Amino acid sequence: MTTCDSTSVGILITDHRGRYLVVERATLPHGTAPAAGHIDDHGSSEDAARAEVEEELGLTVTGTR
């Protein structure tokens, strides 16, 4: 069993016009938010970002900066 240390990543996804991709949260706190999640067993923050985008949005990250 893994213990979460609450270290998290938030991923800001933009298009060529500078618009942000956000999701409407189904759980508390309600509202809109970018993809995000705990790093836990993902390894690096970049690995966690890629995994969270795939898990939450079904998208594949092709580049980060």
C-alpha atoms as a PDB file:
ATOM      1  CA  MET A   1       0.000   0.000   0.000  1.00  0.00           C
ATOM      2  CA  THR A   2       1.316   3.425  -0.980  1.00  0.00           C
ATOM      3  CA  THR A   3       1.096   6.404   1.329  1.00  0.00           C
ATOM      4  CA  CYS A   4       0.265   9.706  -0.341  1.00  0.00           C
ATOM      5  CA  ASP A   5       2.500  12.607   0.667  1.00  0.00           C
ATOM      6  CA  SER A   6       0.135  15.107  -1.034  1.00  0.00           C
ATOM      7  CA  THR A   7       2.769  16.233  -3.561  1.00  0.00           C
ATOM      8  CA  SER A   8       0.730  17.143  -6.633  1.00  0.00           C
ATOM      9  CA  VAL A   9       0.931  18.371 -10.191  1.00  0.00           C
ATOM     10  CA  GLY A  10      -1.419  20.654 -12.070  1.00  0.00           C
ATOM     11  CA  ILE A  11      -1.358  20.647 -15.844  1.00  0.00           C
ATOM     12  CA  LEU A  12      -2.256  23.719 -17.896  1.00  0.00           C
ATOM     13  CA  ILE A  13      -3.168  22.712 -21.448  1.00  0.00           C
ATOM     14  CA  THR A  14      -3.498  25.501 -24.006  1.00  0.00           C
ATOM     15  CA  ASP A  15      -4.319  25.685 -27.679  1.00  0.00           C
ATOM     16  CA  HIS A  16      -2.684  27.852 -30.329  1.00  0.00           C
ATOM     17  CA  ARG A  17      -4.977  30.750 -29.353  1.00  0.00           C
ATOM     18  CA  GLY A  18      -3.959  30.617 -25.682  1.00  0.00           C
ATOM     19  CA  ARG A  19      -7.254  29.141 -24.442  1.00  0.00           C
ATOM     20  CA  TYR A  20      -7.067  26.755 -21.473  1.00  0.00           C
ATOM     21  CA  LEU A  21      -8.592  23.291 -21.306  1.00  0.00           C
ATOM     22  CA  VAL A  22     -10.447  22.811 -18.011  1.00  0.00           C
ATOM     23  CA  VAL A  23     -12.885  20.184 -16.790  1.00  0.00           C
ATOM     24  CA  GLU A  24     -16.042  20.546 -14.767  1.00  0.00           C
ATOM     25  CA  ARG A  25     -15.473  18.716 -11.494  1.00  0.00           C
ATOM     26  CA  ALA A  26     -17.992  16.030 -10.544  1.00  0.00           C
ATOM     27  CA  THR A  27     -16.724  15.856  -6.945  1.00  0.00           C
ATOM     28  CA  LEU A  28     -16.108  18.451  -4.260  1.00  0.00           C
ATOM     29  CA  PRO A  29     -15.023  21.129  -4.598  1.00  0.00           C
ATOM     30  CA  HIS A  30     -17.334  21.690  -7.572  1.00  0.00           C
ATOM     31  CA  GLY A  31     -16.357  24.088 -10.333  1.00  0.00           C
ATOM     32  CA  THR A  32     -13.847  23.982 -13.152  1.00  0.00           C
ATOM     33  CA  ALA A  33     -10.225  22.959 -12.866  1.00  0.00           C
ATOM     34  CA  PRO A  34      -7.246  21.886 -14.942  1.00  0.00           C
ATOM     35  CA  ALA A  35      -6.124  18.265 -14.946  1.00  0.00           C
ATOM     36  CA  ALA A  36      -4.240  17.538 -11.724  1.00  0.00           C
ATOM     37  CA  GLY A  37      -3.269  14.746  -9.379  1.00  0.00           C
ATOM     38  CA  HIS A  38      -0.808  13.368  -6.860  1.00  0.00           C
ATOM     39  CA  ILE A  39       2.657  12.305  -7.983  1.00  0.00           C
ATOM     40  CA  ASP A  40       2.745   9.197  -5.723  1.00  0.00           C
ATOM     41  CA  ASP A  41       4.126   6.228  -7.710  1.00  0.00           C
ATOM     42  CA  HIS A  42       4.340   8.024 -11.067  1.00  0.00           C
ATOM     43  CA  GLY A  43       8.004   8.902 -10.544  1.00  0.00           C
ATOM     44  CA  SER A  44       8.776  12.418 -11.712  1.00  0.00           C
ATOM     45  CA  SER A  45       6.404  15.351 -11.862  1.00  0.00           C
ATOM     46  CA  GLU A  46       6.515  15.151 -15.675  1.00  0.00           C
ATOM     47  CA  ASP A  47       5.589  11.441 -15.578  1.00  0.00           C
ATOM     48  CA  ALA A  48       2.726  12.250 -13.205  1.00  0.00           C
ATOM     49  CA  ALA A  49       1.506  15.063 -15.466  1.00  0.00           C
ATOM     50  CA  ARG A  50       1.438  12.757 -18.485  1.00  0.00           C
ATOM     51  CA  ALA A  51      -0.364  10.019 -16.518  1.00  0.00           C
ATOM     52  CA  GLU A  52      -2.978  12.381 -15.044  1.00  0.00           C
ATOM     53  CA  VAL A  53      -3.824  13.884 -18.443  1.00  0.00           C
ATOM     54  CA  GLU A  54      -4.307  10.394 -19.871  1.00  0.00           C
ATOM     55  CA  GLU A  55      -6.330   9.181 -16.851  1.00  0.00           C
ATOM     56  CA  GLU A  56      -8.572  12.244 -16.541  1.00  0.00           C
ATOM     57  CA  LEU A  57      -8.913  13.452 -20.123  1.00  0.00           C
ATOM     58  CA  GLY A  58      -8.023  10.487 -22.331  1.00  0.00           C
ATOM     59  CA  LEU A  59      -5.398  12.625 -24.094  1.00  0.00           C
ATOM     60  CA  THR A  60      -1.760  11.879 -24.833  1.00  0.00           C
ATOM     61  CA  VAL A  61       0.796  14.532 -23.907  1.00  0.00           C
ATOM     62  CA  THR A  62       3.204  15.069 -26.797  1.00  0.00           C
ATOM     63  CA  GLY A  63       5.328  17.786 -25.215  1.00  0.00           C
ATOM     64  CA  THR A  64       5.800  19.744 -22.023  1.00  0.00           C
ATOM     65  CA  ARG A  65       7.436  22.980 -21.058  1.00  0.00           C
END
